Amino acid sequence: MVATFVVVPQWQGSGSSRAMRLIDGADAIRGDLPAAATRVVAVPMEAGEPLDSGVSRFASLLAVRSAQRSALAEVDGPAITIGGDCGVEFGAVEHALDRFGTDTALIWFDAHPDLNTPESSPSGAFHGMVLRALLGDGADGLALSPELALPPRRVVLVGTRAADEPEDAFLAEAGVARLSPGDVADPESAAAAVVAAVRASGATRIYVHVDLDVLDPGEMAGIGYPEPFGLTVPTLVSAITALRADFELVGAGITEFAPSSPDDVSRDMGAILRIISALTR
């Protein structure tokens, strides 16, 4: 697949006190991407005001969404979005659904479901609300319209293992497919399980989201919210490869790389490049 990379070093959606490390993470990944196929979205340095939205730094998030959509509008085929925090997936998935159609399943490889709303979020951080916003629930300007909003049956959570109580309640009611780390414990079972889940959704196209914290902390050092008992890199790569063999990829995102040192970058970049290769080869 000929891929265009759109680098969005957004940090304003993160709830971490070390959120600006996400800029370093995005820049580190960009350094290993082909320059001719890479575009960078300018992210404001200021935090941004909440504007009574219930979303921290809301004004800056709106500005990034607008700039990101403008950059994506110039991309002919599928784009690989490089974050930044998980909030960059709002503009990326919105673009993919608008460009390629709503017959798309969203595979959410993430330790966290990101299904809070401004009312339920304990932090106000948008990276914990972005999937719910893609389902159409959220603040005006950062929630998909009814015409584009994903139905819960088109979402597959993979490797999710740390949810807030309101998120668990929503999952129980909405019927979102959820594959725990135990369901995808090795490359073979992961490949079969994710393909079966997408087939059950009825979709023919896929968007693949990878928050690097889906991986076990032993596999990835430069993450802000590590959770134990995550996926291995071979398991994640096998699942992505199987998905790409059976479904049309309309976009993907890699998010939440927050290295604390050059040593983190050196240790983690090989795994990140393996994930990028699985998404693009």
Protein backbone atom coordinates (compact mmCIF):
# COMPACT_ATOMS: atom_id res chain seq x y z
CA MET A 1 0.00 0.00 0.00
CA VAL A 2 1.27 3.47 -0.87
CA ALA A 3 0.77 5.35 2.38
CA THR A 4 0.81 9.00 3.31
CA PHE A 5 1.83 9.78 6.87
CA VAL A 6 0.20 12.69 8.68
CA VAL A 7 2.09 13.60 11.86
CA VAL A 8 0.00 15.38 14.49
CA PRO A 9 2.11 16.13 17.61
CA GLN A 10 -0.93 17.06 19.70
CA TRP A 11 -0.49 16.97 23.47
CA GLN A 12 -3.54 18.96 24.56
CA GLY A 13 -5.82 15.92 24.65
CA SER A 14 -3.67 14.14 27.22
CA GLY A 15 -4.31 14.14 30.93
CA SER A 16 -0.68 13.43 31.80
CA SER A 17 1.52 15.95 33.57
CA ARG A 18 4.17 14.88 31.05
CA ALA A 19 1.92 15.34 28.02
CA MET A 20 4.45 17.40 26.09
CA ARG A 21 6.62 14.28 25.76
CA LEU A 22 4.12 13.32 23.08
CA ILE A 23 5.67 16.01 20.88
CA ASP A 24 9.04 14.28 21.24
CA GLY A 25 7.44 10.93 20.45
CA ALA A 26 5.80 12.18 17.26
CA ASP A 27 9.05 13.85 16.17
CA ALA A 28 11.01 10.65 16.83
CA ILE A 29 8.67 8.58 14.68
CA ARG A 30 8.66 11.23 11.95
CA GLY A 31 12.45 10.94 11.75
CA ASP A 32 12.08 7.36 10.46
CA LEU A 33 9.35 8.08 7.93
CA PRO A 34 9.91 8.86 4.23
CA ALA A 35 10.01 12.65 4.03
CA ALA A 36 8.30 12.83 0.64
CA ALA A 37 5.28 10.90 1.96
CA THR A 38 4.98 12.76 5.27
CA ARG A 39 2.97 15.83 6.21
CA VAL A 40 3.08 17.58 9.56
CA VAL A 41 0.11 19.33 11.14
CA ALA A 42 1.07 22.41 13.13
CA VAL A 43 -0.16 22.15 16.72
CA PRO A 44 -0.47 25.29 18.84
CA MET A 45 1.84 25.48 21.82
CA GLU A 46 -0.79 27.04 24.08
CA ALA A 47 -2.96 24.76 26.17
CA GLY A 48 -6.29 26.26 25.10
CA GLU A 49 -9.40 27.11 27.10
CA PRO A 50 -12.18 24.61 27.96
CA LEU A 51 -14.89 27.09 26.84
CA ASP A 52 -17.52 25.51 29.14
CA SER A 53 -17.32 22.29 27.10
CA GLY A 54 -16.25 19.94 29.88
CA VAL A 55 -13.17 19.13 27.78
CA SER A 56 -9.80 20.40 28.92
CA ARG A 57 -7.95 22.57 26.35
CA PHE A 58 -10.99 22.44 24.08
CA ALA A 59 -10.09 25.51 22.01
CA SER A 60 -6.73 24.10 20.95
CA LEU A 61 -8.26 20.70 20.18
CA LEU A 62 -10.73 22.36 17.83
CA ALA A 63 -7.90 24.20 16.08
CA VAL A 64 -5.93 20.97 15.60
CA ARG A 65 -8.99 19.17 14.26
CA SER A 66 -9.48 21.88 11.65
CA ALA A 67 -5.81 21.88 10.58
CA GLN A 68 -5.73 18.08 10.52
CA ARG A 69 -8.82 17.83 8.32
CA SER A 70 -7.28 20.34 5.89
CA ALA A 71 -4.12 18.24 5.66
CA LEU A 72 -6.06 15.02 5.20
CA ALA A 73 -8.20 16.56 2.46
CA GLU A 74 -5.07 16.69 0.31
CA VAL A 75 -4.37 12.96 0.72
CA ASP A 76 -5.75 10.75 -2.07
CA GLY A 77 -5.63 7.34 -0.40
CA PRO A 78 -5.51 6.01 3.14
CA ALA A 79 -3.50 8.04 5.64
CA ILE A 80 -1.48 6.78 8.59
CA THR A 81 -1.86 9.31 11.38
CA ILE A 82 1.00 9.60 13.85
CA GLY A 83 0.16 11.17 17.21
CA GLY A 84 0.32 12.78 19.66
CA ASP A 85 -2.39 11.74 22.03
CA CYS A 86 -5.35 9.53 21.11
CA GLY A 87 -7.47 12.60 20.46
CA VAL A 88 -5.86 12.93 17.02
CA GLU A 89 -7.99 9.97 15.98
CA PHE A 90 -11.12 12.11 16.01
CA GLY A 91 -10.16 14.07 12.90
CA ALA A 92 -8.49 11.04 11.29
CA VAL A 93 -11.45 8.67 11.67
CA GLU A 94 -13.88 11.44 10.76
CA HIS A 95 -11.97 11.96 7.52
CA ALA A 96 -11.85 8.22 6.74
CA LEU A 97 -15.59 7.78 7.25
CA ASP A 98 -16.36 10.86 5.18
CA ARG A 99 -13.99 9.86 2.35
CA PHE A 100 -14.46 6.09 2.19
CA GLY A 101 -17.90 5.51 3.68
CA THR A 102 -19.48 4.42 6.93
CA ASP A 103 -19.28 0.73 6.01
CA THR A 104 -16.16 0.74 8.14
CA ALA A 105 -15.23 -1.05 11.35
CA LEU A 106 -12.96 0.69 13.85
CA ILE A 107 -10.51 -1.68 15.50
CA TRP A 108 -9.34 -0.05 18.72
CA PHE A 109 -6.08 -1.58 19.97
CA ASP A 110 -5.82 0.20 23.30
CA ALA A 111 -5.37 -0.61 26.99
CA HIS A 112 -8.19 1.88 27.67
CA PRO A 113 -11.58 2.12 25.93
CA ASP A 114 -11.61 5.95 25.75
CA LEU A 115 -15.40 5.92 26.17
CA ASN A 116 -15.95 8.67 28.72
CA THR A 117 -18.05 11.75 28.06
CA PRO A 118 -17.42 15.28 29.35
CA GLU A 119 -19.87 14.44 32.15
CA SER A 120 -18.29 11.13 33.18
CA SER A 121 -14.61 11.85 32.65
CA PRO A 122 -12.62 12.11 35.88
CA SER A 123 -9.96 14.25 34.21
CA GLY A 124 -11.60 16.20 31.38
CA ALA A 125 -8.88 14.89 29.05
CA PHE A 126 -10.15 14.30 25.53
CA HIS A 127 -7.92 11.29 24.89
CA GLY A 128 -10.18 9.41 27.30
CA MET A 129 -13.32 10.51 25.41
CA VAL A 130 -12.35 10.19 21.77
CA LEU A 131 -13.97 6.84 20.99
CA ARG A 132 -17.23 7.94 22.58
CA ALA A 133 -17.06 11.11 20.47
CA LEU A 134 -16.69 8.95 17.35
CA LEU A 135 -19.92 7.22 18.42
CA GLY A 136 -21.57 10.65 18.38
CA ASP A 137 -21.57 11.48 22.11
CA GLY A 138 -19.61 14.47 23.32
CA ALA A 139 -19.10 18.20 23.20
CA ASP A 140 -20.30 20.17 20.18
CA GLY A 141 -17.42 20.34 17.72
CA LEU A 142 -15.79 17.17 19.06
CA ALA A 143 -18.54 14.62 18.45
CA LEU A 144 -19.41 13.08 15.10
CA SER A 145 -22.63 14.07 13.41
CA PRO A 146 -25.44 11.49 13.24
CA GLU A 147 -24.65 10.98 9.54
CA LEU A 148 -21.07 9.86 10.27
CA ALA A 149 -21.21 8.54 13.83
CA LEU A 150 -20.12 4.93 14.19
CA PRO A 151 -22.71 2.49 15.54
CA PRO A 152 -21.36 0.46 18.49
CA ARG A 153 -21.58 -2.77 16.45
CA ARG A 154 -18.85 -1.41 14.16
CA VAL A 155 -16.31 -1.02 16.97
CA VAL A 156 -13.96 -3.77 18.15
CA LEU A 157 -11.89 -3.18 21.29
CA VAL A 158 -8.72 -5.27 21.42
CA GLY A 159 -6.41 -5.62 24.41
CA THR A 160 -8.52 -3.30 26.55
CA ARG A 161 -7.96 -3.98 30.23
CA ALA A 162 -8.42 -0.74 32.22
CA ALA A 163 -11.81 1.00 32.13
CA ASP A 164 -13.57 3.51 34.39
CA GLU A 165 -16.91 2.46 35.88
CA PRO A 166 -18.98 4.64 33.49
CA GLU A 167 -17.12 3.10 30.56
CA ASP A 168 -17.83 -0.42 31.78
CA ALA A 169 -21.50 0.49 32.17
CA PHE A 170 -21.63 1.84 28.62
CA LEU A 171 -19.91 -1.25 27.24
CA ALA A 172 -22.42 -3.51 28.96
CA GLU A 173 -25.34 -1.60 27.45
CA ALA A 174 -23.99 -0.80 23.99
CA GLY A 175 -22.80 -4.23 22.94
CA VAL A 176 -19.37 -3.17 21.73
CA ALA A 177 -17.21 -6.18 20.82
CA ARG A 178 -14.33 -6.56 23.24
CA LEU A 179 -11.35 -8.89 22.96
CA SER A 180 -9.38 -9.05 26.20
CA PRO A 181 -5.65 -9.79 26.27
CA GLY A 182 -6.60 -13.38 27.09
CA ASP A 183 -8.64 -13.59 23.88
CA VAL A 184 -5.59 -12.53 21.82
CA ALA A 185 -2.88 -14.22 23.86
CA ASP A 186 -0.69 -15.32 20.94
CA PRO A 187 -0.25 -14.39 17.27
CA GLU A 188 -2.45 -17.21 15.91
CA SER A 189 -5.40 -16.66 18.23
CA ALA A 190 -5.16 -12.89 17.83
CA ALA A 191 -5.33 -13.12 14.04
CA ALA A 192 -8.37 -15.39 14.11
CA ALA A 193 -10.22 -13.45 16.81
CA VAL A 194 -9.92 -9.99 15.30
CA VAL A 195 -10.91 -11.15 11.82
CA ALA A 196 -13.96 -12.98 13.23
CA ALA A 197 -15.01 -9.90 15.21
CA VAL A 198 -14.83 -7.63 12.18
CA ARG A 199 -16.73 -10.12 10.04
CA ALA A 200 -19.45 -10.21 12.71
CA SER A 201 -19.74 -6.42 12.46
CA GLY A 202 -20.74 -6.67 8.80
CA ALA A 203 -18.12 -4.13 7.71
CA THR A 204 -15.98 -4.50 4.61
CA ARG A 205 -13.48 -1.73 5.42
CA ILE A 206 -11.39 -1.08 8.49
CA TYR A 207 -9.68 1.74 10.34
CA VAL A 208 -6.99 0.52 12.76
CA HIS A 209 -6.17 2.52 15.88
CA VAL A 210 -3.06 1.60 17.87
CA ASP A 211 -2.44 3.22 21.22
CA LEU A 212 0.99 1.91 22.09
CA ASP A 213 -0.15 1.20 25.64
CA VAL A 214 -2.01 -1.82 24.25
CA LEU A 215 1.40 -3.45 24.43
CA ASP A 216 2.74 -4.91 27.64
CA PRO A 217 5.04 -2.44 29.45
CA GLY A 218 7.84 -4.95 28.99
CA GLU A 219 7.47 -4.44 25.24
CA MET A 220 7.22 -0.64 25.15
CA ALA A 221 8.91 1.77 27.57
CA GLY A 222 7.85 5.18 26.23
CA ILE A 223 4.19 5.26 27.21
CA GLY A 224 2.43 7.50 29.69
CA TYR A 225 -0.24 5.15 31.01
CA PRO A 226 1.24 1.62 31.14
CA GLU A 227 -1.03 -1.26 32.10
CA PRO A 228 0.27 -4.75 32.89
CA PHE A 229 -0.61 -7.91 30.96
CA GLY A 230 -0.73 -6.34 27.52
CA LEU A 231 -0.06 -7.68 24.04
CA THR A 232 3.33 -8.61 22.64
CA VAL A 233 4.60 -6.96 19.49
CA PRO A 234 4.36 -10.21 17.45
CA THR A 235 0.74 -10.66 18.55
CA LEU A 236 -0.20 -7.10 17.56
CA VAL A 237 1.59 -7.37 14.22
CA SER A 238 -0.08 -10.71 13.49
CA ALA A 239 -3.53 -9.27 14.19
CA ILE A 240 -2.94 -6.26 11.95
CA THR A 241 -1.56 -8.44 9.15
CA ALA A 242 -4.61 -10.71 9.30
CA LEU A 243 -6.97 -7.76 9.20
CA ARG A 244 -5.24 -6.27 6.19
CA ALA A 245 -5.43 -9.60 4.35
CA ASP A 246 -9.22 -9.74 4.68
CA PHE A 247 -10.42 -6.12 4.69
CA GLU A 248 -9.76 -2.84 2.91
CA LEU A 249 -7.75 -0.48 5.09
CA VAL A 250 -9.06 3.11 4.91
CA GLY A 251 -6.75 4.58 7.53
CA ALA A 252 -4.81 3.94 10.70
CA GLY A 253 -3.30 5.74 13.63
CA ILE A 254 -0.41 5.19 16.03
CA THR A 255 -0.62 7.25 19.19
CA GLU A 256 0.70 7.98 22.69
CA PHE A 257 4.43 7.53 22.19
CA ALA A 258 5.87 9.56 25.07
CA PRO A 259 9.54 8.68 25.48
CA SER A 260 11.25 10.04 28.57
CA SER A 261 14.77 9.78 27.15
CA PRO A 262 16.75 9.00 23.99
CA ASP A 263 17.19 5.50 25.44
CA ASP A 264 13.41 5.01 25.30
CA VAL A 265 13.41 6.06 21.66
CA SER A 266 16.23 3.65 20.81
CA ARG A 267 14.55 0.79 22.66
CA ASP A 268 11.05 1.31 21.28
CA MET A 269 11.54 2.42 17.69
CA GLY A 270 12.07 -1.07 16.34
CA ALA A 271 8.65 -2.16 17.62
CA ILE A 272 6.98 0.96 16.26
CA LEU A 273 8.51 0.41 12.83
CA ARG A 274 7.26 -3.19 12.83
CA ILE A 275 3.74 -1.89 13.48
CA ILE A 276 4.06 0.69 10.70
CA SER A 277 5.30 -2.00 8.33
CA ALA A 278 2.30 -4.23 9.13
CA LEU A 279 -0.02 -1.33 8.34
CA THR A 280 1.61 -0.38 5.05
CA ARG A 281 3.24 -3.37 3.36
